Structures are given as structure tokens and as C-alpha cells.
Amino acid sequence: MDKKLTPELKKLKEEFDYLHEKIGELEWKRSIMYYERKGVLRFEIEELEDRIKNYRENMALLLNKVSDEIRENKKF
């Protein structure tokens, strides 16, 4: 990147990295769920899927904030 990030964009980048990591961890956990145990209850799968969905929704909101922040900085 040629241009340095603003303090707000740095904060948003850290939040993005955190969400990205959490989604990856949960996706991995869902993928190997059957490998670790003989049986998995449906509510366990649904709970993981809900958590993944929530993190993805938060990421979408975050990316909108990033776009807004970039637009705001381009005005100056």
C-alpha cells in the first residue's frame, strides 16, 4: 500500500482481521465436527452456523464502515 492508513482505518483493519480469524476458526470447527466425535447434535451444528452467520453479518457492516471512511477521506 502506498498510502498510510488513517487511525480509524487501522482500527477497522484490526477488527476485520479479528472477524476473519473467528470465521475461519468456526468454519474449521464445523468442518471437523464429525471427525472428533461419533455423534453431533443438530443444535450444535445450528449454533455454529448461527455464530458464523453473525460474524459474516458483522463483517459486512464493517466493510460498509471501511467504504464510508475511505469516501470521507477522499473528500479532503
Protein backbone atom coordinates (compact mmCIF):
# COMPACT_ATOMS: atom_id res chain seq x y z
CA MET A 1 0.00 0.00 0.00
CA ASP A 2 1.41 3.35 -1.00
CA LYS A 3 -0.78 5.42 1.30
CA LYS A 4 -0.69 5.06 5.08
CA LEU A 5 -3.92 4.08 6.79
CA THR A 6 -5.72 6.60 8.95
CA PRO A 7 -6.08 5.72 12.64
CA GLU A 8 -9.73 4.84 12.02
CA LEU A 9 -8.85 2.57 9.09
CA LYS A 10 -6.17 0.87 11.22
CA LYS A 11 -8.80 0.19 13.88
CA LEU A 12 -11.20 -1.17 11.26
CA LYS A 13 -8.44 -3.35 9.79
CA GLU A 14 -7.78 -4.89 13.22
CA GLU A 15 -11.49 -5.58 13.63
CA PHE A 16 -11.60 -7.12 10.13
CA ASP A 17 -8.64 -9.37 10.95
CA TYR A 18 -10.33 -10.49 14.17
CA LEU A 19 -13.63 -11.30 12.42
CA HIS A 20 -11.81 -13.08 9.61
CA GLU A 21 -9.92 -15.22 12.12
CA LYS A 22 -13.07 -16.09 14.09
CA ILE A 23 -14.97 -17.08 10.94
CA GLY A 24 -12.07 -19.30 9.90
CA GLU A 25 -11.92 -20.95 13.33
CA LEU A 26 -15.67 -21.65 13.34
CA GLU A 27 -15.66 -22.93 9.74
CA TRP A 28 -12.82 -25.28 10.65
CA LYS A 29 -14.62 -26.44 13.77
CA ARG A 30 -17.75 -27.14 11.72
CA SER A 31 -15.73 -29.00 9.12
CA ILE A 32 -14.09 -31.38 11.57
CA MET A 33 -17.03 -31.71 13.96
CA TYR A 34 -17.84 -35.25 12.81
CA TYR A 35 -14.19 -36.28 12.82
CA GLU A 36 -13.76 -35.51 16.50
CA ARG A 37 -16.88 -37.33 17.73
CA LYS A 38 -19.16 -40.19 16.84
CA GLY A 39 -22.30 -38.10 17.00
CA VAL A 40 -23.21 -34.45 16.69
CA LEU A 41 -26.48 -32.95 17.82
CA ARG A 42 -28.38 -30.81 15.34
CA PHE A 43 -28.49 -27.85 17.74
CA GLU A 44 -24.68 -27.88 17.90
CA ILE A 45 -24.48 -27.50 14.14
CA GLU A 46 -27.16 -24.82 14.14
CA GLU A 47 -25.37 -22.92 16.90
CA LEU A 48 -22.11 -22.91 14.93
CA GLU A 49 -23.92 -21.86 11.75
CA ASP A 50 -25.65 -19.02 13.63
CA ARG A 51 -22.34 -17.81 15.03
CA ILE A 52 -20.72 -17.93 11.57
CA LYS A 53 -23.69 -16.04 10.11
CA ASN A 54 -23.43 -13.42 12.85
CA TYR A 55 -19.70 -12.88 12.25
CA ARG A 56 -20.32 -12.61 8.49
CA GLU A 57 -23.06 -10.03 9.04
CA ASN A 58 -20.73 -8.07 11.31
CA MET A 59 -18.04 -8.24 8.63
CA ALA A 60 -20.44 -6.87 6.02
CA LEU A 61 -21.29 -3.96 8.32
CA LEU A 62 -17.59 -3.39 8.96
CA LEU A 63 -16.81 -3.32 5.24
CA ASN A 64 -19.52 -0.69 4.79
CA LYS A 65 -17.81 1.38 7.51
CA VAL A 66 -14.49 0.97 5.69
CA SER A 67 -16.05 2.20 2.44
CA ASP A 68 -17.60 5.17 4.23
CA GLU A 69 -14.29 6.03 5.90
CA ILE A 70 -12.44 5.87 2.58
CA ARG A 71 -15.05 8.05 0.88
CA GLU A 72 -14.80 10.55 3.73
CA ASN A 73 -11.01 10.70 3.44
CA LYS A 74 -11.12 11.11 -0.32
CA LYS A 75 -13.13 14.32 0.09
CA PHE A 76 -10.12 16.08 1.60
